[in-house]
PDB file of N, CA and C in Angstrom:
ATOM      1  N   MET A   1      68.877  28.178 152.021  1.00  0.00           N
ATOM      2  CA  MET A   1      67.481  27.293 151.398  1.00  0.00           C
ATOM      3  C   MET A   1      67.207  28.085 150.039  1.00  0.00           C
ATOM      4  N   LEU A   2      66.935  29.235 149.842  1.00  0.00           N
ATOM      5  CA  LEU A   2      66.547  30.110 149.052  1.00  0.00           C
ATOM      6  C   LEU A   2      67.640  29.296 147.674  1.00  0.00           C
ATOM      7  N   MET A   3      68.591  29.547 147.235  1.00  0.00           N
ATOM      8  CA  MET A   3      69.287  28.901 146.166  1.00  0.00           C
ATOM      9  C   MET A   3      68.909  27.376 146.201  1.00  0.00           C
ATOM     10  N   ALA A   4      68.606  26.686 147.754  1.00  0.00           N
ATOM     11  CA  ALA A   4      68.252  24.887 147.587  1.00  0.00           C
ATOM     12  C   ALA A   4      66.894  25.003 146.601  1.00  0.00           C
ATOM     13  N   GLY A   5      66.153  25.673 147.182  1.00  0.00           N
ATOM     14  CA  GLY A   5      64.720  25.936 146.029  1.00  0.00           C
ATOM     15  C   GLY A   5      65.158  26.169 144.673  1.00  0.00           C
ATOM     16  N   PHE A   6      66.227  26.792 144.300  1.00  0.00           N
ATOM     17  CA  PHE A   6      65.547  27.231 143.007  1.00  0.00           C
ATOM     18  C   PHE A   6      66.353  26.403 141.902  1.00  0.00           C
ATOM     19  N   PHE A   7      67.865  26.394 142.971  1.00  0.00           N
ATOM     20  CA  PHE A   7      68.012  24.895 141.848  1.00  0.00           C
ATOM     21  C   PHE A   7      67.316  23.288 142.174  1.00  0.00           C
ATOM     22  N   CYS A   8      66.836  23.047 143.133  1.00  0.00           N
ATOM     23  CA  CYS A   8      65.626  22.196 143.101  1.00  0.00           C
ATOM     24  C   CYS A   8      63.996  22.461 142.216  1.00  0.00           C
ATOM     25  N   ALA A   9      64.277  23.587 142.009  1.00  0.00           N
ATOM     26  CA  ALA A   9      62.807  23.912 141.564  1.00  0.00           C
ATOM     27  C   ALA A   9      63.565  23.775 139.932  1.00  0.00           C
ATOM     28  N   LEU A  10      64.035  24.245 139.077  1.00  0.00           N
ATOM     29  CA  LEU A  10      65.452  24.050 137.432  1.00  0.00           C
ATOM     30  C   LEU A  10      65.204  22.671 137.511  1.00  0.00           C
ATOM     31  N   ALA A  11      65.867  21.686 138.268  1.00  0.00           N
ATOM     32  CA  ALA A  11      66.246  20.527 138.258  1.00  0.00           C
ATOM     33  C   ALA A  11      64.606  19.688 137.995  1.00  0.00           C
ATOM     34  N   ALA A  12      63.594  20.456 139.184  1.00  0.00           N
ATOM     35  CA  ALA A  12      62.217  19.510 138.321  1.00  0.00           C
ATOM     36  C   ALA A  12      61.657  19.894 137.391  1.00  0.00           C
ATOM     37  N   VAL A  13      61.797  20.944 136.763  1.00  0.00           N
ATOM     38  CA  VAL A  13      61.243  21.640 135.558  1.00  0.00           C
ATOM     39  C   VAL A  13      62.125  20.554 134.362  1.00  0.00           C
ATOM     40  N   TYR A  14      63.517  20.527 134.413  1.00  0.00           N
ATOM     41  CA  TYR A  14      64.418  19.293 133.629  1.00  0.00           C
ATOM     42  C   TYR A  14      64.058  17.773 133.261  1.00  0.00           C
ATOM     43  N   MET A  15      64.009  17.682 134.796  1.00  0.00           N
ATOM     44  CA  MET A  15      63.447  15.996 135.467  1.00  0.00           C
ATOM     45  C   MET A  15      61.753  16.075 134.248  1.00  0.00           C
ATOM     46  N   ASN A  16      61.426  17.111 134.412  1.00  0.00           N
ATOM     47  CA  ASN A  16      59.491  16.663 133.683  1.00  0.00           C
ATOM     48  C   ASN A  16      60.025  16.872 132.084  1.00  0.00           C
ATOM     49  N   HIS A  17      60.820  16.674 131.545  1.00  0.00           N
ATOM     50  CA  HIS A  17      60.855  17.437 129.783  1.00  0.00           C
ATOM     51  C   HIS A  17      61.545  16.534 129.911  1.00  0.00           C
ATOM     52  N   TYR A  18      62.271  15.608 130.255  1.00  0.00           N
ATOM     53  CA  TYR A  18      63.007  14.716 129.353  1.00  0.00           C
ATOM     54  C   TYR A  18      62.958  12.788 129.714  1.00  0.00           C
ATOM     55  N   VAL A  19      63.467  11.693 128.961  1.00  0.00           N
ATOM     56  CA  VAL A  19      62.656  11.017 129.033  1.00  0.00           C
ATOM     57  C   VAL A  19      62.843   9.903 130.407  1.00  0.00           C
ATOM     58  N   ALA A  20      62.703   8.955 130.942  1.00  0.00           N
ATOM     59  CA  ALA A  20      62.253   8.465 132.226  1.00  0.00           C
ATOM     60  C   ALA A  20      63.782   7.835 132.246  1.00  0.00           C
ATOM     61  N   GLY A  21      64.175   7.461 131.019  1.00  0.00           N
ATOM     62  CA  GLY A  21      66.077   6.665 131.728  1.00  0.00           C
ATOM     63  C   GLY A  21      66.678   8.131 132.672  1.00  0.00           C
ATOM     64  N   ILE A  22      66.146   9.935 132.379  1.00  0.00           N
ATOM     65  CA  ILE A  22      67.334  10.461 132.409  1.00  0.00           C
ATOM     66  C   ILE A  22      66.449  11.384 133.257  1.00  0.00           C
ATOM     67  N   GLN A  23      65.477  10.856 134.144  1.00  0.00           N
ATOM     68  CA  GLN A  23      64.610  11.193 135.310  1.00  0.00           C
ATOM     69  C   GLN A  23      65.561  11.176 136.288  1.00  0.00           C
ATOM     70  N   PRO A  24      65.690   9.732 137.292  1.00  0.00           N
ATOM     71  CA  PRO A  24      66.258  10.029 138.375  1.00  0.00           C
ATOM     72  C   PRO A  24      67.708  10.795 138.553  1.00  0.00           C
ATOM     73  N   PHE A  25      68.364  11.455 137.253  1.00  0.00           N
ATOM     74  CA  PHE A  25      69.856  11.778 137.933  1.00  0.00           C
ATOM     75  C   PHE A  25      69.438  13.267 138.438  1.00  0.00           C
ATOM     76  N   TYR A  26      68.336  13.356 137.878  1.00  0.00           N
ATOM     77  CA  TYR A  26      67.196  14.588 138.175  1.00  0.00           C
ATOM     78  C   TYR A  26      67.138  14.774 139.649  1.00  0.00           C
ATOM     79  N   PHE A  27      66.058  14.029 140.061  1.00  0.00           N
ATOM     80  CA  PHE A  27      65.599  13.186 141.678  1.00  0.00           C
ATOM     81  C   PHE A  27      66.939  13.442 142.226  1.00  0.00           C
ATOM     82  N   TRP A  28      67.568  12.629 141.666  1.00  0.00           N
ATOM     83  CA  TRP A  28      69.063  12.396 142.473  1.00  0.00           C
ATOM     84  C   TRP A  28      70.278  14.234 143.034  1.00  0.00           C
ATOM     85  N   SER A  29      70.122  14.564 141.381  1.00  0.00           N
ATOM     86  CA  SER A  29      70.827  16.086 142.209  1.00  0.00           C
ATOM     87  C   SER A  29      69.725  17.096 143.112  1.00  0.00           C
ATOM     88  N   MET A  30      68.355  16.946 143.252  1.00  0.00           N
ATOM     89  CA  MET A  30      67.252  18.046 144.427  1.00  0.00           C
ATOM     90  C   MET A  30      67.706  17.322 145.703  1.00  0.00           C
ATOM     91  N   ILE A  31      67.470  15.573 145.788  1.00  0.00           N
ATOM     92  CA  ILE A  31      67.854  15.186 146.438  1.00  0.00           C
ATOM     93  C   ILE A  31      69.706  15.146 147.367  1.00  0.00           C
ATOM     94  N   ASP A  32      70.015  15.893 146.343  1.00  0.00           N
ATOM     95  CA  ASP A  32      71.929  16.329 146.381  1.00  0.00           C
ATOM     96  C   ASP A  32      71.793  17.405 147.088  1.00  0.00           C
ATOM     97  N   ALA A  33      70.743  18.546 146.017  1.00  0.00           N
ATOM     98  CA  ALA A  33      71.024  20.061 146.861  1.00  0.00           C
ATOM     99  C   ALA A  33      70.229  19.919 148.053  1.00  0.00           C
ATOM    100  N   LEU A  34      69.306  19.073 148.541  1.00  0.00           N
ATOM    101  CA  LEU A  34      68.466  19.518 149.825  1.00  0.00           C
ATOM    102  C   LEU A  34      69.778  19.016 150.776  1.00  0.00           C
ATOM    103  N   ILE A  35      70.917  18.667 150.667  1.00  0.00           N
ATOM    104  CA  ILE A  35      71.828  17.870 151.486  1.00  0.00           C
ATOM    105  C   ILE A  35      72.691  19.059 151.627  1.00  0.00           C
ATOM    106  N   VAL A  36      73.593  18.771 150.638  1.00  0.00           N
ATOM    107  CA  VAL A  36      74.701  20.054 150.076  1.00  0.00           C
ATOM    108  C   VAL A  36      74.041  21.020 150.825  1.00  0.00           C
ATOM    109  N   PHE A  37      73.229  22.080 150.228  1.00  0.00           N
ATOM    110  CA  PHE A  37      73.040  23.741 150.708  1.00  0.00           C
ATOM    111  C   PHE A  37      72.769  23.697 151.956  1.00  0.00           C
ATOM    112  N   PRO A  38      72.555  23.970 152.535  1.00  0.00           N
ATOM    113  CA  PRO A  38      72.010  23.583 153.908  1.00  0.00           C
ATOM    114  C   PRO A  38      73.991  23.589 154.660  1.00  0.00           C
ATOM    115  N   VAL A  39      74.591  22.027 154.452  1.00  0.00           N
ATOM    116  CA  VAL A  39      75.967  22.035 154.613  1.00  0.00           C
ATOM    117  C   VAL A  39      76.527  23.187 154.634  1.00  0.00           C
ATOM    118  N   VAL A  40      76.814  23.280 153.452  1.00  0.00           N
ATOM    119  CA  VAL A  40      78.192  24.344 153.000  1.00  0.00           C
ATOM    120  C   VAL A  40      77.556  25.380 153.899  1.00  0.00           C
ATOM    121  N   ALA A  41      76.514  25.926 153.559  1.00  0.00           N
ATOM    122  CA  ALA A  41      75.704  27.347 154.438  1.00  0.00           C
ATOM    123  C   ALA A  41      75.710  27.207 156.397  1.00  0.00           C
ATOM    124  N   LEU A  42      75.997  26.075 156.820  1.00  0.00           N
ATOM    125  CA  LEU A  42      76.582  25.610 158.130  1.00  0.00           C
ATOM    126  C   LEU A  42      77.462  26.087 158.508  1.00  0.00           C
ATOM    127  N   ALA A  43      78.368  25.407 157.208  1.00  0.00           N
ATOM    128  CA  ALA A  43      80.342  25.236 157.503  1.00  0.00           C
ATOM    129  C   ALA A  43      80.214  26.479 157.206  1.00  0.00           C
ATOM    130  N   ASN A  44      80.114  27.949 156.519  1.00  0.00           N
ATOM    131  CA  ASN A  44      79.487  28.701 156.511  1.00  0.00           C
ATOM    132  C   ASN A  44      79.545  29.871 157.395  1.00  0.00           C
ATOM    133  N   ALA A  45      78.682  29.366 157.843  1.00  0.00           N
ATOM    134  CA  ALA A  45      78.509  30.119 158.849  1.00  0.00           C
ATOM    135  C   ALA A  45      79.448  30.053 160.832  1.00  0.00           C
ATOM    136  N   LEU A  46      79.861  28.509 160.422  1.00  0.00           N
ATOM    137  CA  LEU A  46      80.687  28.486 161.387  1.00  0.00           C
ATOM    138  C   LEU A  46      81.901  28.946 161.480  1.00  0.00           C
ATOM    139  N   LEU A  47      82.469  28.501 160.192  1.00  0.00           N
ATOM    140  CA  LEU A  47      83.770  28.722 159.758  1.00  0.00           C
ATOM    141  C   LEU A  47      84.651  30.481 159.268  1.00  0.00           C
ATOM    142  N   TYR A  48      83.188  31.273 158.900  1.00  0.00           N
ATOM    143  CA  TYR A  48      83.685  31.802 157.897  1.00  0.00           C
ATOM    144  C   TYR A  48      83.781  33.451 159.778  1.00  0.00           C
ATOM    145  N   PRO A  49      83.500  33.556 160.536  1.00  0.00           N
ATOM    146  CA  PRO A  49      84.223  34.018 161.621  1.00  0.00           C
ATOM    147  C   PRO A  49      85.750  33.854 161.743  1.00  0.00           C
ATOM    148  N   ARG A  50      85.556  32.676 162.494  1.00  0.00           N
ATOM    149  CA  ARG A  50      87.493  31.994 162.284  1.00  0.00           C
ATOM    150  C   ARG A  50      88.401  32.790 161.956  1.00  0.00           C
ATOM    151  N   PHE A  51      87.838  32.580 160.738  1.00  0.00           N
ATOM    152  CA  PHE A  51      89.412  32.881 159.149  1.00  0.00           C
ATOM    153  C   PHE A  51      89.258  34.653 158.953  1.00  0.00           C
ATOM    154  N   PHE A  52      88.090  34.473 158.881  1.00  0.00           N
ATOM    155  CA  PHE A  52      87.926  36.611 158.479  1.00  0.00           C
ATOM    156  C   PHE A  52      87.160  37.199 159.399  1.00  0.00           C
ATOM    157  N   ARG A  53      88.126  36.934 160.592  1.00  0.00           N
ATOM    158  CA  ARG A  53      87.722  38.325 161.795  1.00  0.00           C
ATOM    159  C   ARG A  53      88.338  38.694 161.391  1.00  0.00           C
ATOM    160  N   ASP A  54      88.088  40.707 161.887  1.00  0.00           N
ATOM    161  CA  ASP A  54      88.274  41.447 161.911  1.00  0.00           C
ATOM    162  C   ASP A  54      89.432  41.689 162.996  1.00  0.00           C
ATOM    163  N   PRO A  55      91.417  41.404 162.830  1.00  0.00           N
ATOM    164  CA  PRO A  55      92.184  41.753 163.509  1.00  0.00           C
ATOM    165  C   PRO A  55      92.250  42.950 164.224  1.00  0.00           C
ATOM    166  N   ALA A  56      92.060  44.027 164.327  1.00  0.00           N
ATOM    167  CA  ALA A  56      91.566  45.269 164.717  1.00  0.00           C
ATOM    168  C   ALA A  56      90.434  45.225 165.586  1.00  0.00           C
ATOM    169  N   ALA A  57      89.323  44.679 165.325  1.00  0.00           N
ATOM    170  CA  ALA A  57      88.079  44.453 166.686  1.00  0.00           C
ATOM    171  C   ALA A  57      88.160  43.623 167.246  1.00  0.00           C
ATOM    172  N   ALA A  58      89.587  42.608 167.227  1.00  0.00           N
ATOM    173  CA  ALA A  58      89.646  41.731 168.551  1.00  0.00           C
ATOM    174  C   ALA A  58      90.030  41.952 168.641  1.00  0.00           C
ATOM    175  N   SER A  59      91.604  43.860 168.577  1.00  0.00           N
ATOM    176  CA  SER A  59      92.177  44.144 170.027  1.00  0.00           C
ATOM    177  C   SER A  59      92.081  45.121 169.998  1.00  0.00           C
ATOM    178  N   GLU A  60      91.229  45.847 170.288  1.00  0.00           N
ATOM    179  CA  GLU A  60      90.093  46.399 171.375  1.00  0.00           C
ATOM    180  C   GLU A  60      89.145  45.909 172.436  1.00  0.00           C
TER     181      GLU A  60
END
């Protein structure tokens, strides 16, 4: 969530410096970050142990 917060803060800064036509892009990129970052983190937490477990530790 720290990276999502950083990404949203950066997008908010950019959103406030551009014309109204480009602002929706940054708004939706913040919404995208709030959805994608936690999904990727959850997938990483669930899949990483399956694919990268230590075979030596499993045989003990």
